Amino acid sequence: MLHLIDQARDFPHRYGGEGPGLDGFADGQRPSAMFITCSDSRVVPTLLTGVGPGELFELRTAGNIVPPYDPENATSEMATIEYAVSVLEVSDIILCGHSHCGAVGALARGEDLRTLPAVRDWLSRSVPAEDGGPGFGDPGPDVALPVQRHVIAQMRRLRAYPCVSRAVREGRLGLHAWYYEVHTGVVRAHQIATGTFSSL
């Protein structure tokens, strides 16, 4: 904790003194892209993309799950996506899954999550079995195939959001499905033409 406190104390000096600084942030935010990914601490969007404060609008959820659009039962995730597209008008959304994902691994292996009721209910409510549940055989330690299938399923969910589908149709928004290998640092992007993930 002391290390975190030291870094927080030093933050104004690291970002406020040189370059664009932090002064402009008082006027609002203008990120160019949204990054939807897992809450996993090994996935750091700003490090992956090499950007600084104010450049990415982030949404992190257990298992990088995008809940189905349901305005009658709004969630924080739904509101965040809607705000990014309709108010901030981001030009791109990156939806990024990662290897060794605990949430997707639990689904793929059909693990008993009774001791984690909130996690169990979040996963069961947000991910139908055909989108990432059991049925992959042995997913392996990196759960690569289940995670990649899961990312594509979440991208289908994202495309169904009215604000997203409208922006894509009008050519104002690009969607990108990524898979990040936490043990190598390699990022792979989904290629619609081949249905596979290949290195950027």
Protein backbone atom coordinates (compact mmCIF):
# COMPACT_ATOMS: atom_id res chain seq x y z
CA MET A 1 0.00 0.00 0.00
CA LEU A 2 2.86 2.40 0.72
CA HIS A 3 4.06 2.01 -2.88
CA LEU A 4 0.59 2.93 -4.15
CA ILE A 5 0.46 5.96 -1.88
CA ASP A 6 3.89 7.13 -3.10
CA GLN A 7 2.78 6.78 -6.72
CA ALA A 8 -0.44 8.71 -6.04
CA ARG A 9 1.54 11.52 -4.39
CA ASP A 10 3.89 11.67 -7.38
CA PHE A 11 1.15 11.54 -10.02
CA PRO A 12 0.66 15.36 -10.38
CA HIS A 13 4.40 15.76 -10.96
CA ARG A 14 4.55 12.97 -13.54
CA TYR A 15 1.60 14.20 -15.60
CA GLY A 16 1.06 17.81 -14.62
CA GLY A 17 4.44 19.37 -15.32
CA GLU A 18 5.32 18.46 -18.90
CA GLY A 19 3.52 17.72 -22.14
CA PRO A 20 -0.21 18.33 -22.34
CA GLY A 21 -0.53 18.13 -18.56
CA LEU A 22 -3.80 17.69 -16.72
CA ASP A 23 -5.20 21.22 -16.99
CA GLY A 24 -7.30 20.42 -20.04
CA PHE A 25 -9.14 17.65 -18.23
CA ALA A 26 -11.23 20.26 -16.40
CA ASP A 27 -12.98 20.96 -19.72
CA GLY A 28 -14.17 17.36 -20.09
CA GLN A 29 -12.99 14.13 -21.65
CA ARG A 30 -12.52 13.31 -25.33
CA PRO A 31 -11.30 9.71 -25.58
CA SER A 32 -10.99 8.36 -29.09
CA ALA A 33 -11.75 4.75 -28.19
CA MET A 34 -13.54 2.59 -25.66
CA PHE A 35 -11.81 -0.50 -24.27
CA ILE A 36 -14.00 -3.25 -22.82
CA THR A 37 -12.08 -5.94 -20.99
CA CYS A 38 -11.89 -8.18 -17.94
CA SER A 39 -11.28 -6.94 -14.41
CA ASP A 40 -8.18 -9.16 -14.29
CA SER A 41 -5.19 -7.21 -12.95
CA ARG A 42 -2.89 -8.69 -15.60
CA VAL A 43 -4.76 -6.86 -18.35
CA VAL A 44 -3.81 -3.16 -18.45
CA PRO A 45 -5.41 -1.39 -21.44
CA THR A 46 -3.22 1.72 -21.27
CA LEU A 47 -0.05 -0.39 -21.26
CA LEU A 48 -1.30 -2.57 -24.11
CA THR A 49 -2.15 0.42 -26.28
CA GLY A 50 0.55 2.82 -25.09
CA VAL A 51 -1.81 5.69 -24.37
CA GLY A 52 -1.97 8.18 -21.54
CA PRO A 53 -4.72 9.59 -19.33
CA GLY A 54 -7.83 10.70 -21.18
CA GLU A 55 -7.28 8.64 -24.33
CA LEU A 56 -9.25 5.48 -23.48
CA PHE A 57 -12.73 5.12 -22.01
CA GLU A 58 -12.54 1.84 -20.09
CA LEU A 59 -15.18 -0.67 -19.05
CA ARG A 60 -14.00 -3.61 -16.97
CA THR A 61 -16.21 -6.49 -15.90
CA ALA A 62 -15.66 -10.00 -14.59
CA GLY A 63 -15.08 -12.00 -17.77
CA ASN A 64 -15.34 -8.92 -20.07
CA ILE A 65 -19.07 -9.61 -20.25
CA VAL A 66 -21.43 -7.35 -22.17
CA PRO A 67 -24.94 -7.85 -20.73
CA PRO A 68 -27.84 -8.07 -23.19
CA TYR A 69 -29.37 -4.68 -23.91
CA ASP A 70 -32.46 -4.31 -21.73
CA PRO A 71 -33.45 -0.71 -20.94
CA GLU A 72 -36.08 -1.95 -18.48
CA ASN A 73 -33.31 -3.50 -16.37
CA ALA A 74 -30.41 -1.16 -16.99
CA THR A 75 -26.94 -2.07 -15.74
CA SER A 76 -23.80 -0.02 -15.23
CA GLU A 77 -22.29 -1.77 -18.25
CA MET A 78 -25.20 -0.80 -20.48
CA ALA A 79 -25.05 2.81 -19.31
CA THR A 80 -21.29 3.01 -19.83
CA ILE A 81 -21.49 1.72 -23.41
CA GLU A 82 -24.39 4.02 -24.24
CA TYR A 83 -22.56 7.03 -22.83
CA ALA A 84 -19.36 6.22 -24.72
CA VAL A 85 -21.13 5.93 -28.05
CA SER A 86 -23.89 8.54 -27.76
CA VAL A 87 -22.23 11.26 -25.69
CA LEU A 88 -18.46 10.83 -26.03
CA GLU A 89 -18.86 9.61 -29.63
CA VAL A 90 -15.84 7.31 -29.50
CA SER A 91 -14.75 6.23 -32.97
CA ASP A 92 -13.78 2.68 -31.99
CA ILE A 93 -14.63 0.04 -29.40
CA ILE A 94 -12.13 -2.70 -28.58
CA LEU A 95 -13.53 -5.75 -26.80
CA CYS A 96 -10.61 -7.70 -25.38
CA GLY A 97 -10.57 -11.14 -23.76
CA HIS A 98 -7.46 -12.73 -22.32
CA SER A 99 -5.78 -16.06 -21.78
CA HIS A 100 -6.00 -17.80 -18.39
CA CYS A 101 -9.33 -16.06 -17.69
CA GLY A 102 -10.82 -17.35 -14.45
CA ALA A 103 -14.40 -16.47 -15.36
CA VAL A 104 -14.39 -18.10 -18.79
CA GLY A 105 -12.36 -21.02 -17.43
CA ALA A 106 -14.98 -21.65 -14.76
CA LEU A 107 -17.71 -21.66 -17.39
CA ALA A 108 -15.78 -23.88 -19.79
CA ARG A 109 -14.98 -26.41 -17.07
CA GLY A 110 -18.44 -26.27 -15.53
CA GLU A 111 -16.99 -25.45 -12.11
CA ASP A 112 -19.14 -25.42 -8.98
CA LEU A 113 -19.48 -21.76 -7.99
CA ARG A 114 -21.85 -22.16 -5.04
CA THR A 115 -19.33 -20.54 -2.71
CA LEU A 116 -19.23 -17.50 -5.02
CA PRO A 117 -22.93 -16.73 -5.45
CA ALA A 118 -22.47 -13.26 -6.90
CA VAL A 119 -19.94 -14.52 -9.45
CA ARG A 120 -22.14 -17.53 -10.26
CA ASP A 121 -25.23 -15.41 -10.81
CA TRP A 122 -23.38 -12.79 -12.86
CA LEU A 123 -21.96 -15.44 -15.18
CA SER A 124 -25.15 -17.49 -15.47
CA ARG A 125 -27.30 -14.42 -16.09
CA SER A 126 -24.90 -12.81 -18.54
CA VAL A 127 -23.56 -15.76 -20.51
CA PRO A 128 -25.89 -18.37 -22.02
CA ALA A 129 -24.33 -21.84 -22.20
CA GLU A 130 -23.97 -21.66 -25.97
CA ASP A 131 -21.95 -18.45 -25.68
CA GLY A 132 -19.26 -19.66 -23.33
CA GLY A 133 -20.51 -22.35 -20.99
CA PRO A 134 -19.55 -26.00 -20.71
CA GLY A 135 -19.05 -28.07 -23.81
CA PHE A 136 -15.51 -27.23 -24.91
CA GLY A 137 -13.93 -30.46 -23.68
CA ASP A 138 -10.61 -29.83 -21.96
CA PRO A 139 -10.11 -26.06 -22.40
CA GLY A 140 -6.42 -26.25 -21.42
CA PRO A 141 -4.73 -23.97 -18.88
CA ASP A 142 -4.89 -20.89 -21.10
CA VAL A 143 -8.56 -21.46 -22.10
CA ALA A 144 -7.68 -19.90 -25.47
CA LEU A 145 -10.49 -21.34 -27.58
CA PRO A 146 -13.27 -20.74 -25.00
CA VAL A 147 -12.06 -17.17 -24.46
CA GLN A 148 -11.94 -16.43 -28.18
CA ARG A 149 -15.45 -17.85 -28.67
CA HIS A 150 -16.58 -15.87 -25.65
CA VAL A 151 -15.16 -12.62 -27.09
CA ILE A 152 -17.04 -13.17 -30.35
CA ALA A 153 -20.26 -13.89 -28.42
CA GLN A 154 -19.85 -10.68 -26.41
CA MET A 155 -19.22 -8.78 -29.62
CA ARG A 156 -22.56 -10.06 -30.95
CA ARG A 157 -24.17 -8.67 -27.79
CA LEU A 158 -22.43 -5.34 -28.25
CA ARG A 159 -23.56 -5.03 -31.87
CA ALA A 160 -27.17 -5.47 -30.71
CA TYR A 161 -27.10 -2.28 -28.62
CA PRO A 162 -29.21 0.26 -30.55
CA CYS A 163 -26.66 3.05 -30.20
CA VAL A 164 -23.85 0.76 -31.35
CA SER A 165 -25.70 -0.73 -34.32
CA ARG A 166 -26.77 2.75 -35.43
CA ALA A 167 -23.24 4.19 -35.17
CA VAL A 168 -21.75 1.22 -37.04
CA ARG A 169 -24.39 1.48 -39.76
CA GLU A 170 -23.64 5.19 -40.17
CA GLY A 171 -19.90 4.53 -40.40
CA ARG A 172 -19.09 6.41 -37.20
CA LEU A 173 -17.93 3.45 -35.14
CA GLY A 174 -15.52 0.59 -35.65
CA LEU A 175 -15.67 -2.61 -33.56
CA HIS A 176 -12.60 -4.73 -32.80
CA ALA A 177 -12.40 -8.12 -31.04
CA TRP A 178 -9.02 -8.83 -29.42
CA TYR A 179 -7.47 -11.72 -27.53
CA TYR A 180 -4.52 -10.97 -25.23
CA GLU A 181 -2.05 -13.64 -24.08
CA VAL A 182 -1.04 -12.67 -20.56
CA HIS A 183 1.96 -15.03 -20.62
CA THR A 184 3.49 -13.69 -23.86
CA GLY A 185 2.11 -10.16 -24.25
CA VAL A 186 0.89 -10.98 -27.78
CA VAL A 187 -2.38 -9.39 -28.89
CA ARG A 188 -4.45 -11.13 -31.57
CA ALA A 189 -7.36 -9.59 -33.47
CA HIS A 190 -10.36 -11.42 -34.83
CA GLN A 191 -10.44 -11.62 -38.61
CA ILE A 192 -14.03 -11.75 -39.81
CA ALA A 193 -13.03 -13.19 -43.20
CA THR A 194 -11.37 -16.27 -41.69
CA GLY A 195 -13.10 -16.44 -38.31
CA THR A 196 -9.70 -16.71 -36.62
CA PHE A 197 -7.57 -14.55 -34.33
CA SER A 198 -4.19 -13.46 -35.72
CA SER A 199 -1.40 -11.28 -34.37
CA LEU A 200 -1.77 -7.54 -34.81
